[in-house]
Amino acid sequence: MSGRNKYDLAYHFIFGTKRKAPVLDDESLLSLQLLFSIKAKELGGELITSGGHKDHVHLLIMAKLRTHLGVDLNLPLSEFQ
């Protein structure tokens, strides 16, 4: 075989609020979507879709096989408290 196969990984992350407190509203979910999108790009990935409810957020991030997403996200979550 002369060519190389190309692989991407899809990561499904779920982040929950402390003690499942219902503190997320539509505005905070949009802000989190923007923050996660920026961080995914910084790490070499792409936020494909996100969604959530009052107590958690779902993210689908696509990344190349060699992309390492296991890092501290360092998000300023204090603005959502």
C-alpha atoms as a PDB file:
ATOM      1  CA  MET A   1       0.000   0.000   0.000  1.00  0.00           C
ATOM      2  CA  SER A   2       1.622   3.264  -1.095  1.00  0.00           C
ATOM      3  CA  GLY A   3      -0.575   5.821   0.681  1.00  0.00           C
ATOM      4  CA  ARG A   4      -1.291   6.532   4.295  1.00  0.00           C
ATOM      5  CA  ASN A   5      -4.727   6.417   5.838  1.00  0.00           C
ATOM      6  CA  LYS A   6      -6.066   9.581   7.412  1.00  0.00           C
ATOM      7  CA  TYR A   7      -7.825   9.333  10.741  1.00  0.00           C
ATOM      8  CA  ASP A   8      -9.632  11.894  12.843  1.00  0.00           C
ATOM      9  CA  LEU A   9     -10.974  11.375  16.334  1.00  0.00           C
ATOM     10  CA  ALA A  10     -14.316  12.553  17.643  1.00  0.00           C
ATOM     11  CA  TYR A  11     -14.340  13.440  21.336  1.00  0.00           C
ATOM     12  CA  HIS A  12     -17.611  13.710  23.248  1.00  0.00           C
ATOM     13  CA  PHE A  13     -17.131  15.705  26.438  1.00  0.00           C
ATOM     14  CA  ILE A  14     -19.733  16.285  29.117  1.00  0.00           C
ATOM     15  CA  PHE A  15     -19.112  18.922  31.771  1.00  0.00           C
ATOM     16  CA  GLY A  16     -21.460  19.208  34.723  1.00  0.00           C
ATOM     17  CA  THR A  17     -22.039  21.887  37.301  1.00  0.00           C
ATOM     18  CA  LYS A  18     -21.092  21.319  40.908  1.00  0.00           C
ATOM     19  CA  ARG A  19     -23.734  19.169  42.634  1.00  0.00           C
ATOM     20  CA  LYS A  20     -25.796  19.404  39.411  1.00  0.00           C
ATOM     21  CA  ALA A  21     -26.858  22.924  40.320  1.00  0.00           C
ATOM     22  CA  PRO A  22     -29.187  24.330  37.614  1.00  0.00           C
ATOM     23  CA  VAL A  23     -27.170  27.527  37.017  1.00  0.00           C
ATOM     24  CA  LEU A  24     -26.616  27.570  33.237  1.00  0.00           C
ATOM     25  CA  ASP A  25     -28.910  29.725  31.112  1.00  0.00           C
ATOM     26  CA  ASP A  26     -28.921  30.317  27.345  1.00  0.00           C
ATOM     27  CA  GLU A  27     -26.451  33.206  27.599  1.00  0.00           C
ATOM     28  CA  SER A  28     -23.932  31.242  29.670  1.00  0.00           C
ATOM     29  CA  LEU A  29     -24.243  28.218  27.342  1.00  0.00           C
ATOM     30  CA  LEU A  30     -23.395  30.465  24.365  1.00  0.00           C
ATOM     31  CA  SER A  31     -20.416  31.917  26.236  1.00  0.00           C
ATOM     32  CA  LEU A  32     -19.174  28.434  27.089  1.00  0.00           C
ATOM     33  CA  GLN A  33     -19.602  27.374  23.460  1.00  0.00           C
ATOM     34  CA  LEU A  34     -17.383  30.274  22.368  1.00  0.00           C
ATOM     35  CA  LEU A  35     -14.746  29.510  25.014  1.00  0.00           C
ATOM     36  CA  PHE A  36     -14.661  25.808  24.157  1.00  0.00           C
ATOM     37  CA  SER A  37     -14.471  26.585  20.429  1.00  0.00           C
ATOM     38  CA  ILE A  38     -11.470  28.871  20.967  1.00  0.00           C
ATOM     39  CA  LYS A  39      -9.718  26.332  23.200  1.00  0.00           C
ATOM     40  CA  ALA A  40     -10.369  23.483  20.743  1.00  0.00           C
ATOM     41  CA  LYS A  41      -8.744  25.510  17.939  1.00  0.00           C
ATOM     42  CA  GLU A  42      -5.771  26.334  20.176  1.00  0.00           C
ATOM     43  CA  LEU A  43      -5.292  22.586  20.737  1.00  0.00           C
ATOM     44  CA  GLY A  44      -5.590  21.704  17.044  1.00  0.00           C
ATOM     45  CA  GLY A  45      -9.200  20.541  17.056  1.00  0.00           C
ATOM     46  CA  GLU A  46     -12.575  21.892  16.010  1.00  0.00           C
ATOM     47  CA  LEU A  47     -15.795  22.209  17.990  1.00  0.00           C
ATOM     48  CA  ILE A  48     -18.395  20.541  15.763  1.00  0.00           C
ATOM     49  CA  THR A  49     -21.446  21.008  17.954  1.00  0.00           C
ATOM     50  CA  SER A  50     -22.384  21.722  21.530  1.00  0.00           C
ATOM     51  CA  GLY A  51     -25.504  21.773  23.609  1.00  0.00           C
ATOM     52  CA  GLY A  52     -26.546  21.665  27.173  1.00  0.00           C
ATOM     53  CA  HIS A  53     -29.061  22.086  29.907  1.00  0.00           C
ATOM     54  CA  LYS A  54     -29.171  24.005  33.149  1.00  0.00           C
ATOM     55  CA  ASP A  55     -26.717  21.615  34.833  1.00  0.00           C
ATOM     56  CA  HIS A  56     -24.383  20.305  32.088  1.00  0.00           C
ATOM     57  CA  VAL A  57     -22.799  20.937  28.674  1.00  0.00           C
ATOM     58  CA  HIS A  58     -22.133  18.470  25.816  1.00  0.00           C
ATOM     59  CA  LEU A  59     -19.322  19.064  23.299  1.00  0.00           C
ATOM     60  CA  LEU A  60     -18.365  17.183  20.140  1.00  0.00           C
ATOM     61  CA  ILE A  61     -14.788  18.001  19.134  1.00  0.00           C
ATOM     62  CA  MET A  62     -13.003  16.625  16.080  1.00  0.00           C
ATOM     63  CA  ALA A  63      -9.211  16.381  16.169  1.00  0.00           C
ATOM     64  CA  LYS A  64      -6.392  14.756  14.262  1.00  0.00           C
ATOM     65  CA  LEU A  65      -5.207  11.412  15.590  1.00  0.00           C
ATOM     66  CA  ARG A  66      -2.060  12.937  17.111  1.00  0.00           C
ATOM     67  CA  THR A  67      -3.814  15.860  18.823  1.00  0.00           C
ATOM     68  CA  HIS A  68      -3.520  15.717  22.606  1.00  0.00           C
ATOM     69  CA  LEU A  69      -6.617  17.197  24.256  1.00  0.00           C
ATOM     70  CA  GLY A  70      -5.835  15.939  27.754  1.00  0.00           C
ATOM     71  CA  VAL A  71      -4.830  19.309  29.173  1.00  0.00           C
ATOM     72  CA  ASP A  72      -6.156  21.694  31.779  1.00  0.00           C
ATOM     73  CA  LEU A  73      -8.674  23.866  29.930  1.00  0.00           C
ATOM     74  CA  ASN A  74      -8.139  26.861  32.260  1.00  0.00           C
ATOM     75  CA  LEU A  75     -11.535  28.351  31.513  1.00  0.00           C
ATOM     76  CA  PRO A  76     -12.610  31.431  33.501  1.00  0.00           C
ATOM     77  CA  LEU A  77     -15.705  29.782  34.925  1.00  0.00           C
ATOM     78  CA  SER A  78     -15.969  32.348  37.731  1.00  0.00           C
ATOM     79  CA  GLU A  79     -18.094  34.530  35.445  1.00  0.00           C
ATOM     80  CA  PHE A  80     -20.802  31.819  35.471  1.00  0.00           C
ATOM     81  CA  GLN A  81     -21.178  31.658  39.257  1.00  0.00           C
END
